């Protein structure tokens, strides 16, 4: 059995203060909306277009630019999926495996509503 200390995250995810659309960079398909994020991972809510244990190149579209940046490019692995109550949408947890230093700076600000 996993105790509370083993189950806790190393970093707290921060809820986003704006709409952030997540797209598959290779297909352009919208995968969903960003629910929360930190520099090592994020949670997505959307249609069941993602697959567990798959690696994605993702494009995050910020509705309000942060530090004059409105698009981020992130490589991430989908670690888990959890269907919504009616199975029409799902929650998906991702681990970030590739991100530029400049995009990481924006990720660290995304929950602070520091749009400019």
PDB file of N, CA and C in Angstrom:
ATOM      1  N   UNK A   1       0.836  -1.180   0.000  1.00  0.00           N
ATOM      2  CA  UNK A   1       0.000   0.000   0.000  1.00  0.00           C
ATOM      3  C   UNK A   1       0.887   1.252   0.000  1.00  0.00           C
ATOM      4  N   UNK A   2       0.522   2.247  -0.784  1.00  0.00           N
ATOM      5  CA  UNK A   2       1.290   3.487  -0.889  1.00  0.00           C
ATOM      6  C   UNK A   2       0.836   4.442   0.202  1.00  0.00           C
ATOM      7  N   UNK A   3       1.799   4.950   0.980  1.00  0.00           N
ATOM      8  CA  UNK A   3       1.435   5.920   2.007  1.00  0.00           C
ATOM      9  C   UNK A   3       1.429   7.329   1.419  1.00  0.00           C
ATOM     10  N   UNK A   4       0.955   8.288   2.202  1.00  0.00           N
ATOM     11  CA  UNK A   4       0.797   9.664   1.722  1.00  0.00           C
ATOM     12  C   UNK A   4       2.114  10.262   1.252  1.00  0.00           C
ATOM     13  N   UNK A   5       3.206   9.994   1.960  1.00  0.00           N
ATOM     14  CA  UNK A   5       4.504  10.549   1.578  1.00  0.00           C
ATOM     15  C   UNK A   5       4.979   9.994   0.242  1.00  0.00           C
ATOM     16  N   UNK A   6       4.730   8.709  -0.019  1.00  0.00           N
ATOM     17  CA  UNK A   6       5.145   8.103  -1.281  1.00  0.00           C
ATOM     18  C   UNK A   6       4.300   8.607  -2.438  1.00  0.00           C
ATOM     19  N   UNK A   7       3.041   8.953  -2.173  1.00  0.00           N
ATOM     20  CA  UNK A   7       2.120   9.360  -3.220  1.00  0.00           C
ATOM     21  C   UNK A   7       2.216  10.846  -3.545  1.00  0.00           C
ATOM     22  N   UNK A   8       2.850  11.633  -2.717  1.00  0.00           N
ATOM     23  CA  UNK A   8       2.904  13.075  -2.957  1.00  0.00           C
ATOM     24  C   UNK A   8       3.868  13.409  -4.086  1.00  0.00           C
ATOM     25  N   UNK A   9       3.585  14.494  -4.766  1.00  0.00           N
ATOM     26  CA  UNK A   9       4.432  14.949  -5.867  1.00  0.00           C
ATOM     27  C   UNK A   9       5.640  15.687  -5.317  1.00  0.00           C
ATOM     28  N   UNK A  10       6.730  15.633  -6.085  1.00  0.00           N
ATOM     29  CA  UNK A  10       7.907  16.416  -5.714  1.00  0.00           C
ATOM     30  C   UNK A  10       7.647  17.900  -5.903  1.00  0.00           C
ATOM     31  N   UNK A  11       6.882  18.246  -6.921  1.00  0.00           N
ATOM     32  CA  UNK A  11       6.557  19.642  -7.220  1.00  0.00           C
ATOM     33  C   UNK A  11       5.046  19.795  -7.295  1.00  0.00           C
ATOM     34  N   UNK A  12       4.530  20.872  -6.758  1.00  0.00           N
ATOM     35  CA  UNK A  12       3.100  21.142  -6.851  1.00  0.00           C
ATOM     36  C   UNK A  12       2.776  21.683  -8.231  1.00  0.00           C
ATOM     37  N   UNK A  13       1.743  21.118  -8.851  1.00  0.00           N
ATOM     38  CA  UNK A  13       1.271  21.671 -10.113  1.00  0.00           C
ATOM     39  C   UNK A  13       0.457  22.916  -9.810  1.00  0.00           C
ATOM     40  N   UNK A  14       0.546  23.884 -10.703  1.00  0.00           N
ATOM     41  CA  UNK A  14      -0.128  25.166 -10.524  1.00  0.00           C
ATOM     42  C   UNK A  14      -1.255  25.275 -11.539  1.00  0.00           C
ATOM     43  N   UNK A  15      -2.449  25.611 -11.074  1.00  0.00           N
ATOM     44  CA  UNK A  15      -3.566  25.831 -11.976  1.00  0.00           C
ATOM     45  C   UNK A  15      -3.287  27.011 -12.890  1.00  0.00           C
ATOM     46  N   UNK A  16      -3.666  26.886 -14.151  1.00  0.00           N
ATOM     47  CA  UNK A  16      -3.403  27.962 -15.108  1.00  0.00           C
ATOM     48  C   UNK A  16      -4.446  29.063 -14.942  1.00  0.00           C
ATOM     49  N   UNK A  17      -4.032  30.298 -15.203  1.00  0.00           N
ATOM     50  CA  UNK A  17      -4.887  31.464 -15.023  1.00  0.00           C
ATOM     51  C   UNK A  17      -5.461  31.962 -16.354  1.00  0.00           C
ATOM     52  N   UNK A  18      -5.339  31.144 -17.392  1.00  0.00           N
ATOM     53  CA  UNK A  18      -5.845  31.505 -18.710  1.00  0.00           C
ATOM     54  C   UNK A  18      -6.121  30.229 -19.490  1.00  0.00           C
ATOM     55  N   UNK A  19      -6.766  30.364 -20.643  1.00  0.00           N
ATOM     56  CA  UNK A  19      -7.012  29.206 -21.495  1.00  0.00           C
ATOM     57  C   UNK A  19      -5.731  28.864 -22.249  1.00  0.00           C
ATOM     58  N   UNK A  20      -5.327  27.603 -22.160  1.00  0.00           N
ATOM     59  CA  UNK A  20      -4.156  27.120 -22.887  1.00  0.00           C
ATOM     60  C   UNK A  20      -4.581  25.879 -23.665  1.00  0.00           C
ATOM     61  N   UNK A  21      -4.624  26.003 -24.995  1.00  0.00           N
ATOM     62  CA  UNK A  21      -4.977  24.892 -25.873  1.00  0.00           C
ATOM     63  C   UNK A  21      -3.725  24.068 -26.138  1.00  0.00           C
ATOM     64  N   UNK A  22      -3.868  22.741 -26.067  1.00  0.00           N
ATOM     65  CA  UNK A  22      -2.751  21.833 -26.320  1.00  0.00           C
ATOM     66  C   UNK A  22      -3.023  21.093 -27.625  1.00  0.00           C
ATOM     67  N   UNK A  23      -2.055  21.175 -28.548  1.00  0.00           N
ATOM     68  CA  UNK A  23      -2.172  20.508 -29.852  1.00  0.00           C
ATOM     69  C   UNK A  23      -1.008  19.555 -30.077  1.00  0.00           C
ATOM     70  N   UNK A  24      -1.272  18.505 -30.832  1.00  0.00           N
ATOM     71  CA  UNK A  24      -0.223  17.611 -31.304  1.00  0.00           C
ATOM     72  C   UNK A  24       0.518  18.357 -32.411  1.00  0.00           C
ATOM     73  N   UNK A  25       1.805  18.586 -32.242  1.00  0.00           N
ATOM     74  CA  UNK A  25       2.580  19.355 -33.226  1.00  0.00           C
ATOM     75  C   UNK A  25       2.670  18.658 -34.572  1.00  0.00           C
ATOM     76  N   UNK A  26       2.622  17.335 -34.584  1.00  0.00           N
ATOM     77  CA  UNK A  26       2.769  16.597 -35.840  1.00  0.00           C
ATOM     78  C   UNK A  26       1.491  16.594 -36.669  1.00  0.00           C
ATOM     79  N   UNK A  27       0.326  16.540 -36.017  1.00  0.00           N
ATOM     80  CA  UNK A  27      -0.941  16.458 -36.747  1.00  0.00           C
ATOM     81  C   UNK A  27      -1.740  17.756 -36.714  1.00  0.00           C
ATOM     82  N   UNK A  28      -1.437  18.635 -35.760  1.00  0.00           N
ATOM     83  CA  UNK A  28      -2.215  19.853 -35.573  1.00  0.00           C
ATOM     84  C   UNK A  28      -3.512  19.624 -34.820  1.00  0.00           C
ATOM     85  N   UNK A  29      -3.800  18.378 -34.451  1.00  0.00           N
ATOM     86  CA  UNK A  29      -5.042  18.037 -33.767  1.00  0.00           C
ATOM     87  C   UNK A  29      -5.066  18.603 -32.350  1.00  0.00           C
ATOM     88  N   UNK A  30      -6.199  19.220 -31.995  1.00  0.00           N
ATOM     89  CA  UNK A  30      -6.381  19.716 -30.628  1.00  0.00           C
ATOM     90  C   UNK A  30      -6.591  18.523 -29.709  1.00  0.00           C
ATOM     91  N   UNK A  31      -5.765  18.446 -28.663  1.00  0.00           N
ATOM     92  CA  UNK A  31      -5.876  17.352 -27.703  1.00  0.00           C
ATOM     93  C   UNK A  31      -6.690  17.744 -26.481  1.00  0.00           C
ATOM     94  N   UNK A  32      -6.728  19.035 -26.173  1.00  0.00           N
ATOM     95  CA  UNK A  32      -7.498  19.475 -25.019  1.00  0.00           C
ATOM     96  C   UNK A  32      -7.000  20.783 -24.452  1.00  0.00           C
ATOM     97  N   UNK A  33      -7.368  21.014 -23.187  1.00  0.00           N
ATOM     98  CA  UNK A  33      -7.006  22.230 -22.462  1.00  0.00           C
ATOM     99  C   UNK A  33      -6.065  21.866 -21.322  1.00  0.00           C
ATOM    100  N   UNK A  34      -5.129  22.739 -21.061  1.00  0.00           N
ATOM    101  CA  UNK A  34      -4.226  22.558 -19.937  1.00  0.00           C
ATOM    102  C   UNK A  34      -4.993  22.803 -18.637  1.00  0.00           C
ATOM    103  N   UNK A  35      -4.901  21.865 -17.699  1.00  0.00           N
ATOM    104  CA  UNK A  35      -5.574  22.015 -16.404  1.00  0.00           C
ATOM    105  C   UNK A  35      -4.622  22.567 -15.357  1.00  0.00           C
ATOM    106  N   UNK A  36      -3.403  22.013 -15.312  1.00  0.00           N
ATOM    107  CA  UNK A  36      -2.379  22.513 -14.405  1.00  0.00           C
ATOM    108  C   UNK A  36      -1.016  22.094 -14.925  1.00  0.00           C
ATOM    109  N   UNK A  37       0.041  22.718 -14.367  1.00  0.00           N
ATOM    110  CA  UNK A  37       1.373  22.497 -14.927  1.00  0.00           C
ATOM    111  C   UNK A  37       2.448  22.861 -13.904  1.00  0.00           C
ATOM    112  N   UNK A  38       3.596  22.260 -14.048  1.00  0.00           N
ATOM    113  CA  UNK A  38       4.845  22.696 -13.418  1.00  0.00           C
ATOM    114  C   UNK A  38       5.961  22.325 -14.382  1.00  0.00           C
ATOM    115  N   UNK A  39       7.199  22.612 -14.035  1.00  0.00           N
ATOM    116  CA  UNK A  39       8.299  22.460 -14.990  1.00  0.00           C
ATOM    117  C   UNK A  39       8.596  21.010 -15.372  1.00  0.00           C
ATOM    118  N   UNK A  40       8.020  20.032 -14.664  1.00  0.00           N
ATOM    119  CA  UNK A  40       8.280  18.630 -14.991  1.00  0.00           C
ATOM    120  C   UNK A  40       7.064  17.877 -15.506  1.00  0.00           C
ATOM    121  N   UNK A  41       5.867  18.470 -15.414  1.00  0.00           N
ATOM    122  CA  UNK A  41       4.687  17.749 -15.856  1.00  0.00           C
ATOM    123  C   UNK A  41       3.455  18.624 -15.893  1.00  0.00           C
ATOM    124  N   UNK A  42       2.381  18.055 -16.449  1.00  0.00           N
ATOM    125  CA  UNK A  42       1.126  18.795 -16.523  1.00  0.00           C
ATOM    126  C   UNK A  42      -0.040  17.829 -16.656  1.00  0.00           C
ATOM    127  N   UNK A  43      -1.246  18.358 -16.432  1.00  0.00           N
ATOM    128  CA  UNK A  43      -2.462  17.592 -16.625  1.00  0.00           C
ATOM    129  C   UNK A  43      -3.302  18.273 -17.694  1.00  0.00           C
ATOM    130  N   UNK A  44      -3.857  17.451 -18.550  1.00  0.00           N
ATOM    131  CA  UNK A  44      -4.645  17.891 -19.692  1.00  0.00           C
ATOM    132  C   UNK A  44      -6.068  17.376 -19.526  1.00  0.00           C
ATOM    133  N   UNK A  45      -7.056  18.163 -19.935  1.00  0.00           N
ATOM    134  CA  UNK A  45      -8.440  17.708 -19.983  1.00  0.00           C
ATOM    135  C   UNK A  45      -8.930  17.879 -21.404  1.00  0.00           C
ATOM    136  N   UNK A  46      -9.428  16.796 -21.994  1.00  0.00           N
ATOM    137  CA  UNK A  46      -9.901  16.904 -23.366  1.00  0.00           C
ATOM    138  C   UNK A  46     -10.528  15.626 -23.868  1.00  0.00           C
ATOM    139  N   UNK A  47     -10.710  15.568 -25.180  1.00  0.00           N
ATOM    140  CA  UNK A  47     -11.235  14.369 -25.815  1.00  0.00           C
ATOM    141  C   UNK A  47     -10.227  13.238 -25.652  1.00  0.00           C
ATOM    142  N   UNK A  48     -10.674  12.025 -25.847  1.00  0.00           N
ATOM    143  CA  UNK A  48      -9.784  10.881 -25.675  1.00  0.00           C
ATOM    144  C   UNK A  48      -8.921  10.679 -26.922  1.00  0.00           C
ATOM    145  N   UNK A  49      -8.080  11.668 -27.216  1.00  0.00           N
ATOM    146  CA  UNK A  49      -7.217  11.625 -28.394  1.00  0.00           C
ATOM    147  C   UNK A  49      -5.790  11.232 -28.060  1.00  0.00           C
ATOM    148  N   UNK A  50      -5.482  11.042 -26.791  1.00  0.00           N
ATOM    149  CA  UNK A  50      -4.121  10.696 -26.393  1.00  0.00           C
ATOM    150  C   UNK A  50      -4.075   9.246 -25.936  1.00  0.00           C
ATOM    151  N   UNK A  51      -2.880   8.688 -25.993  1.00  0.00           N
ATOM    152  CA  UNK A  51      -2.687   7.302 -25.579  1.00  0.00           C
ATOM    153  C   UNK A  51      -1.659   7.242 -24.465  1.00  0.00           C
ATOM    154  N   UNK A  52      -1.952   6.432 -23.489  1.00  0.00           N
ATOM    155  CA  UNK A  52      -1.048   6.222 -22.371  1.00  0.00           C
ATOM    156  C   UNK A  52       0.259   5.607 -22.865  1.00  0.00           C
ATOM    157  N   UNK A  53       1.369   5.987 -22.243  1.00  0.00           N
ATOM    158  CA  UNK A  53       2.708   5.465 -22.560  1.00  0.00           C
ATOM    159  C   UNK A  53       3.179   5.839 -23.959  1.00  0.00           C
ATOM    160  N   UNK A  54       2.682   6.936 -24.492  1.00  0.00           N
ATOM    161  CA  UNK A  54       3.129   7.450 -25.783  1.00  0.00           C
ATOM    162  C   UNK A  54       3.833   8.791 -25.572  1.00  0.00           C
ATOM    163  N   UNK A  55       4.780   9.071 -26.457  1.00  0.00           N
ATOM    164  CA  UNK A  55       5.504  10.341 -26.421  1.00  0.00           C
ATOM    165  C   UNK A  55       4.922  11.260 -27.483  1.00  0.00           C
ATOM    166  N   UNK A  56       4.708  12.515 -27.109  1.00  0.00           N
ATOM    167  CA  UNK A  56       4.110  13.505 -27.993  1.00  0.00           C
ATOM    168  C   UNK A  56       4.996  14.735 -28.086  1.00  0.00           C
ATOM    169  N   UNK A  57       5.002  15.339 -29.277  1.00  0.00           N
ATOM    170  CA  UNK A  57       5.559  16.676 -29.442  1.00  0.00           C
ATOM    171  C   UNK A  57       4.355  17.603 -29.431  1.00  0.00           C
ATOM    172  N   UNK A  58       4.287  18.488 -28.453  1.00  0.00           N
ATOM    173  CA  UNK A  58       3.091  19.287 -28.228  1.00  0.00           C
ATOM    174  C   UNK A  58       3.344  20.771 -28.431  1.00  0.00           C
ATOM    175  N   UNK A  59       2.278  21.439 -28.821  1.00  0.00           N
ATOM    176  CA  UNK A  59       2.278  22.878 -29.036  1.00  0.00           C
ATOM    177  C   UNK A  59       1.237  23.452 -28.081  1.00  0.00           C
ATOM    178  N   UNK A  60       1.646  24.303 -27.156  1.00  0.00           N
ATOM    179  CA  UNK A  60       0.730  24.934 -26.208  1.00  0.00           C
ATOM    180  C   UNK A  60       0.465  26.359 -26.659  1.00  0.00           C
ATOM    181  N   UNK A  61      -0.810  26.690 -26.840  1.00  0.00           N
ATOM    182  CA  UNK A  61      -1.221  28.006 -27.321  1.00  0.00           C
ATOM    183  C   UNK A  61      -1.831  28.794 -26.165  1.00  0.00           C
ATOM    184  N   UNK A  62      -1.121  29.805 -25.704  1.00  0.00           N
ATOM    185  CA  UNK A  62      -1.595  30.639 -24.597  1.00  0.00           C
ATOM    186  C   UNK A  62      -2.576  31.679 -25.120  1.00  0.00           C
ATOM    187  N   UNK A  63      -3.699  31.861 -24.431  1.00  0.00           N
ATOM    188  CA  UNK A  63      -4.674  32.868 -24.862  1.00  0.00           C
ATOM    189  C   UNK A  63      -4.190  34.279 -24.551  1.00  0.00           C
ATOM    190  N   UNK A  64      -3.292  34.403 -23.561  1.00  0.00           N
ATOM    191  CA  UNK A  64      -2.697  35.691 -23.207  1.00  0.00           C
ATOM    192  C   UNK A  64      -1.186  35.495 -23.141  1.00  0.00           C
ATOM    193  N   UNK A  65      -0.431  36.213 -23.964  1.00  0.00           N
ATOM    194  CA  UNK A  65       1.030  36.039 -23.955  1.00  0.00           C
ATOM    195  C   UNK A  65       1.635  36.304 -22.578  1.00  0.00           C
ATOM    196  N   UNK A  66       2.697  35.588 -22.276  1.00  0.00           N
ATOM    197  CA  UNK A  66       3.487  35.802 -21.068  1.00  0.00           C
ATOM    198  C   UNK A  66       4.902  36.119 -21.526  1.00  0.00           C
ATOM    199  N   UNK A  67       5.435  37.257 -21.087  1.00  0.00           N
ATOM    200  CA  UNK A  67       6.756  37.722 -21.551  1.00  0.00           C
ATOM    201  C   UNK A  67       6.814  37.753 -23.078  1.00  0.00           C
ATOM    202  N   UNK A  68       5.708  38.181 -23.687  1.00  0.00           N
ATOM    203  CA  UNK A  68       5.569  38.278 -25.145  1.00  0.00           C
ATOM    204  C   UNK A  68       5.644  36.931 -25.852  1.00  0.00           C
ATOM    205  N   UNK A  69       5.411  35.838 -25.137  1.00  0.00           N
ATOM    206  CA  UNK A  69       5.401  34.489 -25.718  1.00  0.00           C
ATOM    207  C   UNK A  69       3.973  33.964 -25.668  1.00  0.00           C
ATOM    208  N   UNK A  70       3.469  33.484 -26.811  1.00  0.00           N
ATOM    209  CA  UNK A  70       2.114  32.942 -26.833  1.00  0.00           C
ATOM    210  C   UNK A  70       2.062  31.476 -27.252  1.00  0.00           C
ATOM    211  N   UNK A  71       3.206  30.894 -27.623  1.00  0.00           N
ATOM    212  CA  UNK A  71       3.258  29.494 -28.039  1.00  0.00           C
ATOM    213  C   UNK A  71       4.468  28.814 -27.420  1.00  0.00           C
ATOM    214  N   UNK A  72       4.254  27.606 -26.901  1.00  0.00           N
ATOM    215  CA  UNK A  72       5.330  26.817 -26.315  1.00  0.00           C
ATOM    216  C   UNK A  72       5.436  25.490 -27.052  1.00  0.00           C
ATOM    217  N   UNK A  73       6.635  24.953 -27.124  1.00  0.00           N
ATOM    218  CA  UNK A  73       6.864  23.642 -27.723  1.00  0.00           C
ATOM    219  C   UNK A  73       7.429  22.725 -26.647  1.00  0.00           C
ATOM    220  N   UNK A  74       6.746  21.598 -26.423  1.00  0.00           N
ATOM    221  CA  UNK A  74       7.112  20.687 -25.339  1.00  0.00           C
ATOM    222  C   UNK A  74       7.066  19.248 -25.836  1.00  0.00           C
ATOM    223  N   UNK A  75       8.081  18.477 -25.495  1.00  0.00           N
ATOM    224  CA  UNK A  75       8.050  17.032 -25.693  1.00  0.00           C
ATOM    225  C   UNK A  75       7.610  16.405 -24.387  1.00  0.00           C
ATOM    226  N   UNK A  76       6.607  15.515 -24.427  1.00  0.00           N
ATOM    227  CA  UNK A  76       6.079  14.950 -23.185  1.00  0.00           C
ATOM    228  C   UNK A  76       5.573  13.532 -23.404  1.00  0.00           C
ATOM    229  N   UNK A  77       5.625  12.756 -22.327  1.00  0.00           N
ATOM    230  CA  UNK A  77       5.102  11.389 -22.343  1.00  0.00           C
ATOM    231  C   UNK A  77       3.816  11.342 -21.535  1.00  0.00           C
ATOM    232  N   UNK A  78       2.773  10.736 -22.114  1.00  0.00           N
ATOM    233  CA  UNK A  78       1.518  10.546 -21.391  1.00  0.00           C
ATOM    234  C   UNK A  78       1.691   9.353 -20.449  1.00  0.00           C
ATOM    235  N   UNK A  79       1.598   9.610 -19.150  1.00  0.00           N
ATOM    236  CA  UNK A  79       1.812   8.562 -18.149  1.00  0.00           C
ATOM    237  C   UNK A  79       0.531   7.862 -17.726  1.00  0.00           C
ATOM    238  N   UNK A  80      -0.596   8.578 -17.759  1.00  0.00           N
ATOM    239  CA  UNK A  80      -1.854   7.970 -17.329  1.00  0.00           C
ATOM    240  C   UNK A  80      -3.044   8.683 -17.954  1.00  0.00           C
ATOM    241  N   UNK A  81      -4.160   7.975 -18.019  1.00  0.00           N
ATOM    242  CA  UNK A  81      -5.440   8.501 -18.493  1.00  0.00           C
ATOM    243  C   UNK A  81      -6.513   8.146 -17.478  1.00  0.00           C
ATOM    244  N   UNK A  82      -7.496   9.031 -17.337  1.00  0.00           N
ATOM    245  CA  UNK A  82      -8.626   8.773 -16.457  1.00  0.00           C
ATOM    246  C   UNK A  82      -9.863   9.350 -17.136  1.00  0.00           C
ATOM    247  N   UNK A  83     -10.789   8.486 -17.536  1.00  0.00           N
ATOM    248  CA  UNK A  83     -11.978   8.924 -18.261  1.00  0.00           C
ATOM    249  C   UNK A  83     -12.906   9.724 -17.358  1.00  0.00           C
ATOM    250  N   UNK A  84     -13.616  10.684 -17.972  1.00  0.00           N
ATOM    251  CA  UNK A  84     -14.632  11.441 -17.240  1.00  0.00           C
ATOM    252  C   UNK A  84     -15.815  10.516 -16.952  1.00  0.00           C
ATOM    253  N   UNK A  85     -16.744  10.978 -16.149  1.00  0.00           N
ATOM    254  CA  UNK A  85     -17.885  10.161 -15.748  1.00  0.00           C
ATOM    255  C   UNK A  85     -18.681   9.588 -16.901  1.00  0.00           C
ATOM    256  N   UNK A  86     -18.840  10.350 -17.982  1.00  0.00           N
ATOM    257  CA  UNK A  86     -19.616   9.859 -19.124  1.00  0.00           C
ATOM    258  C   UNK A  86     -18.730   9.286 -20.229  1.00  0.00           C
ATOM    259  N   UNK A  87     -17.439   9.161 -19.966  1.00  0.00           N
ATOM    260  CA  UNK A  87     -16.456   8.594 -20.901  1.00  0.00           C
ATOM    261  C   UNK A  87     -16.299   9.374 -22.199  1.00  0.00           C
ATOM    262  N   UNK A  88     -16.822  10.601 -22.267  1.00  0.00           N
ATOM    263  CA  UNK A  88     -16.685  11.384 -23.492  1.00  0.00           C
ATOM    264  C   UNK A  88     -15.382  12.172 -23.517  1.00  0.00           C
ATOM    265  N   UNK A  89     -14.808  12.415 -22.350  1.00  0.00           N
ATOM    266  CA  UNK A  89     -13.550  13.145 -22.258  1.00  0.00           C
ATOM    267  C   UNK A  89     -12.677  12.468 -21.216  1.00  0.00           C
ATOM    268  N   UNK A  90     -11.439  12.941 -21.104  1.00  0.00           N
ATOM    269  CA  UNK A  90     -10.554  12.314 -20.131  1.00  0.00           C
ATOM    270  C   UNK A  90      -9.561  13.317 -19.568  1.00  0.00           C
ATOM    271  N   UNK A  91      -9.004  12.942 -18.439  1.00  0.00           N
ATOM    272  CA  UNK A  91      -7.877  13.625 -17.830  1.00  0.00           C
ATOM    273  C   UNK A  91      -6.652  12.830 -18.226  1.00  0.00           C
ATOM    274  N   UNK A  92      -5.554  13.512 -18.525  1.00  0.00           N
ATOM    275  CA  UNK A  92      -4.314  12.824 -18.888  1.00  0.00           C
ATOM    276  C   UNK A  92      -3.150  13.494 -18.178  1.00  0.00           C
ATOM    277  N   UNK A  93      -2.291  12.682 -17.591  1.00  0.00           N
ATOM    278  CA  UNK A  93      -1.111  13.188 -16.907  1.00  0.00           C
ATOM    279  C   UNK A  93       0.127  12.999 -17.761  1.00  0.00           C
ATOM    280  N   UNK A  94       0.919  14.049 -17.907  1.00  0.00           N
ATOM    281  CA  UNK A  94       2.108  14.034 -18.759  1.00  0.00           C
ATOM    282  C   UNK A  94       3.360  14.371 -17.964  1.00  0.00           C
ATOM    283  N   UNK A  95       4.454  13.748 -18.362  1.00  0.00           N
ATOM    284  CA  UNK A  95       5.783  14.086 -17.845  1.00  0.00           C
ATOM    285  C   UNK A  95       6.521  14.817 -18.959  1.00  0.00           C
ATOM    286  N   UNK A  96       7.020  16.015 -18.690  1.00  0.00           N
ATOM    287  CA  UNK A  96       7.762  16.786 -19.692  1.00  0.00           C
ATOM    288  C   UNK A  96       9.157  16.195 -19.823  1.00  0.00           C
ATOM    289  N   UNK A  97       9.522  15.838 -21.058  1.00  0.00           N
ATOM    290  CA  UNK A  97      10.841  15.248 -21.297  1.00  0.00           C
ATOM    291  C   UNK A  97      11.740  16.146 -22.131  1.00  0.00           C
ATOM    292  N   UNK A  98      11.159  17.164 -22.775  1.00  0.00           N
ATOM    293  CA  UNK A  98      11.969  18.082 -23.579  1.00  0.00           C
ATOM    294  C   UNK A  98      11.295  19.447 -23.614  1.00  0.00           C
ATOM    295  N   UNK A  99      12.048  20.465 -23.185  1.00  0.00           N
ATOM    296  CA  UNK A  99      11.533  21.832 -23.191  1.00  0.00           C
ATOM    297  C   UNK A  99      12.730  22.778 -23.198  1.00  0.00           C
ATOM    298  N   UNK A 100      12.629  23.851 -23.964  1.00  0.00           N
ATOM    299  CA  UNK A 100      13.719  24.831 -23.996  1.00  0.00           C
ATOM    300  C   UNK A 100      13.742  25.620 -22.689  1.00  0.00           C
ATOM    301  N   UNK A 101      14.879  26.218 -22.392  1.00  0.00           N
ATOM    302  CA  UNK A 101      14.994  27.035 -21.183  1.00  0.00           C
ATOM    303  C   UNK A 101      14.024  28.211 -21.210  1.00  0.00           C
ATOM    304  N   UNK A 102      13.855  28.834 -22.386  1.00  0.00           N
ATOM    305  CA  UNK A 102      12.949  29.985 -22.474  1.00  0.00           C
ATOM    306  C   UNK A 102      11.494  29.558 -22.264  1.00  0.00           C
ATOM    307  N   UNK A 103      11.103  28.395 -22.806  1.00  0.00           N
ATOM    308  CA  UNK A 103       9.741  27.911 -22.585  1.00  0.00           C
ATOM    309  C   UNK A 103       9.544  27.477 -21.134  1.00  0.00           C
ATOM    310  N   UNK A 104      10.589  26.945 -20.500  1.00  0.00           N
ATOM    311  CA  UNK A 104      10.499  26.554 -19.091  1.00  0.00           C
ATOM    312  C   UNK A 104      10.243  27.786 -18.217  1.00  0.00           C
ATOM    313  N   UNK A 105      10.844  28.915 -18.580  1.00  0.00           N
ATOM    314  CA  UNK A 105      10.607  30.158 -17.844  1.00  0.00           C
ATOM    315  C   UNK A 105       9.133  30.540 -17.909  1.00  0.00           C
ATOM    316  N   UNK A 106       8.526  30.422 -19.088  1.00  0.00           N
ATOM    317  CA  UNK A 106       7.106  30.746 -19.248  1.00  0.00           C
ATOM    318  C   UNK A 106       6.250  29.765 -18.447  1.00  0.00           C
ATOM    319  N   UNK A 107       6.595  28.480 -18.473  1.00  0.00           N
ATOM    320  CA  UNK A 107       5.854  27.483 -17.692  1.00  0.00           C
ATOM    321  C   UNK A 107       5.860  27.857 -16.215  1.00  0.00           C
ATOM    322  N   UNK A 108       6.994  28.322 -15.729  1.00  0.00           N
ATOM    323  CA  UNK A 108       7.086  28.706 -14.321  1.00  0.00           C
ATOM    324  C   UNK A 108       6.227  29.924 -13.988  1.00  0.00           C
ATOM    325  N   UNK A 109       5.858  30.709 -14.991  1.00  0.00           N
ATOM    326  CA  UNK A 109       5.038  31.913 -14.783  1.00  0.00           C
ATOM    327  C   UNK A 109       3.564  31.702 -15.109  1.00  0.00           C
ATOM    328  N   UNK A 110       3.227  30.615 -15.761  1.00  0.00           N
ATOM    329  CA  UNK A 110       1.893  30.427 -16.330  1.00  0.00           C
ATOM    330  C   UNK A 110       0.774  30.505 -15.291  1.00  0.00           C
ATOM    331  N   UNK A 111       1.019  30.073 -14.082  1.00  0.00           N
ATOM    332  CA  UNK A 111      -0.010  30.120 -13.052  1.00  0.00           C
ATOM    333  C   UNK A 111      -0.059  31.418 -12.280  1.00  0.00           C
ATOM    334  N   UNK A 112       0.827  32.333 -12.593  1.00  0.00           N
ATOM    335  CA  UNK A 112       0.916  33.568 -11.818  1.00  0.00           C
ATOM    336  C   UNK A 112       0.175  34.743 -12.426  1.00  0.00           C
ATOM    337  N   UNK A 113      -0.472  34.533 -13.578  1.00  0.00           N
ATOM    338  CA  UNK A 113      -1.215  35.597 -14.249  1.00  0.00           C
ATOM    339  C   UNK A 113      -0.346  36.823 -14.478  1.00  0.00           C
ATOM    340  N   UNK A 114       0.872  36.585 -15.013  1.00  0.00           N
ATOM    341  CA  UNK A 114       1.798  37.683 -15.292  1.00  0.00           C
ATOM    342  C   UNK A 114       1.813  38.016 -16.778  1.00  0.00           C
ATOM    343  N   UNK A 115       0.679  37.927 -17.433  1.00  0.00           N
ATOM    344  CA  UNK A 115       0.634  38.185 -18.866  1.00  0.00           C
ATOM    345  C   UNK A 115       1.009  39.626 -19.157  1.00  0.00           C
ATOM    346  N   UNK A 116       1.651  39.804 -20.332  1.00  0.00           N
ATOM    347  CA  UNK A 116       2.067  41.158 -20.719  1.00  0.00           C
ATOM    348  C   UNK A 116       1.768  41.409 -22.170  1.00  0.00           C
TER     349      UNK A 116
END
